Amino acid sequence: MGNNIPSVNYGVHTTTAVEAFRAVMQGYLDGNMTLDEMIAEAEDYYLRQVGEQ
């Protein structure tokens, strides 16, 4: 199942992408948000950090 996940290269922003998921992961693990909400929050965080929003 997990073997079908394609790799993603964020280039110079790879660390920022990882930080985005780390920033919101605890809310998901605590049951405060769904997986979809966590991903949306991580995307928003990422975009704010790289200045695209």
C-alpha atoms as a PDB file:
ATOM      1  CA  MET A   1       0.000   0.000   0.000  1.00  0.00           C
ATOM      2  CA  GLY A   2       2.575   2.601   1.070  1.00  0.00           C
ATOM      3  CA  ASN A   3       4.954   1.530  -1.684  1.00  0.00           C
ATOM      4  CA  ASN A   4       2.855   3.318  -4.305  1.00  0.00           C
ATOM      5  CA  ILE A   5       3.463   6.779  -2.864  1.00  0.00           C
ATOM      6  CA  PRO A   6       5.533   8.809  -5.327  1.00  0.00           C
ATOM      7  CA  SER A   7       8.537  10.689  -4.031  1.00  0.00           C
ATOM      8  CA  VAL A   8       8.371  14.474  -4.118  1.00  0.00           C
ATOM      9  CA  ASN A   9      11.312  16.792  -4.513  1.00  0.00           C
ATOM     10  CA  TYR A  10      10.719  20.275  -3.099  1.00  0.00           C
ATOM     11  CA  GLY A  11      14.209  21.336  -4.153  1.00  0.00           C
ATOM     12  CA  VAL A  12      15.610  24.079  -1.952  1.00  0.00           C
ATOM     13  CA  HIS A  13      12.387  24.004   0.089  1.00  0.00           C
ATOM     14  CA  THR A  14      12.601  20.357   1.198  1.00  0.00           C
ATOM     15  CA  THR A  15      13.464  21.328   4.777  1.00  0.00           C
ATOM     16  CA  THR A  16      10.597  23.830   4.819  1.00  0.00           C
ATOM     17  CA  ALA A  17       8.175  21.142   3.660  1.00  0.00           C
ATOM     18  CA  VAL A  18       9.316  18.806   6.428  1.00  0.00           C
ATOM     19  CA  GLU A  19       9.002  21.603   8.991  1.00  0.00           C
ATOM     20  CA  ALA A  20       5.469  22.299   7.777  1.00  0.00           C
ATOM     21  CA  PHE A  21       4.380  18.746   8.523  1.00  0.00           C
ATOM     22  CA  ARG A  22       6.179  18.724  11.853  1.00  0.00           C
ATOM     23  CA  ALA A  23       4.430  21.964  12.825  1.00  0.00           C
ATOM     24  CA  VAL A  24       0.952  20.491  12.410  1.00  0.00           C
ATOM     25  CA  MET A  25       1.505  16.787  13.068  1.00  0.00           C
ATOM     26  CA  GLN A  26       0.833  16.954  16.803  1.00  0.00           C
ATOM     27  CA  GLY A  27      -2.660  18.357  16.252  1.00  0.00           C
ATOM     28  CA  TYR A  28      -3.453  15.352  14.084  1.00  0.00           C
ATOM     29  CA  LEU A  29      -1.914  12.878  16.512  1.00  0.00           C
ATOM     30  CA  ASP A  30      -3.881  14.428  19.378  1.00  0.00           C
ATOM     31  CA  GLY A  31      -7.101  13.954  17.413  1.00  0.00           C
ATOM     32  CA  ASN A  32      -7.712  17.681  17.035  1.00  0.00           C
ATOM     33  CA  MET A  33      -7.912  17.534  13.234  1.00  0.00           C
ATOM     34  CA  THR A  34      -8.516  15.069  10.431  1.00  0.00           C
ATOM     35  CA  LEU A  35      -5.790  13.956   8.055  1.00  0.00           C
ATOM     36  CA  ASP A  36      -7.215  16.217   5.344  1.00  0.00           C
ATOM     37  CA  GLU A  37      -7.169  19.181   7.735  1.00  0.00           C
ATOM     38  CA  MET A  38      -3.592  18.400   8.732  1.00  0.00           C
ATOM     39  CA  ILE A  39      -2.459  18.301   5.116  1.00  0.00           C
ATOM     40  CA  ALA A  40      -4.242  21.585   4.360  1.00  0.00           C
ATOM     41  CA  GLU A  41      -2.648  23.217   7.412  1.00  0.00           C
ATOM     42  CA  ALA A  42       0.783  21.913   6.416  1.00  0.00           C
ATOM     43  CA  GLU A  43       0.318  23.272   2.896  1.00  0.00           C
ATOM     44  CA  ASP A  44      -0.700  26.695   4.235  1.00  0.00           C
ATOM     45  CA  TYR A  45       2.304  26.709   6.591  1.00  0.00           C
ATOM     46  CA  TYR A  46       4.626  25.740   3.745  1.00  0.00           C
ATOM     47  CA  LEU A  47       3.295  28.423   1.425  1.00  0.00           C
ATOM     48  CA  ARG A  48       3.626  31.103   4.115  1.00  0.00           C
ATOM     49  CA  GLN A  49       7.226  30.068   4.748  1.00  0.00           C
ATOM     50  CA  VAL A  50       8.291  30.189   1.103  1.00  0.00           C
ATOM     51  CA  GLY A  51       6.359  33.396   0.456  1.00  0.00           C
ATOM     52  CA  GLU A  52       3.945  32.101  -2.157  1.00  0.00           C
ATOM     53  CA  GLN A  53       0.766  33.112  -0.371  1.00  0.00           C
END
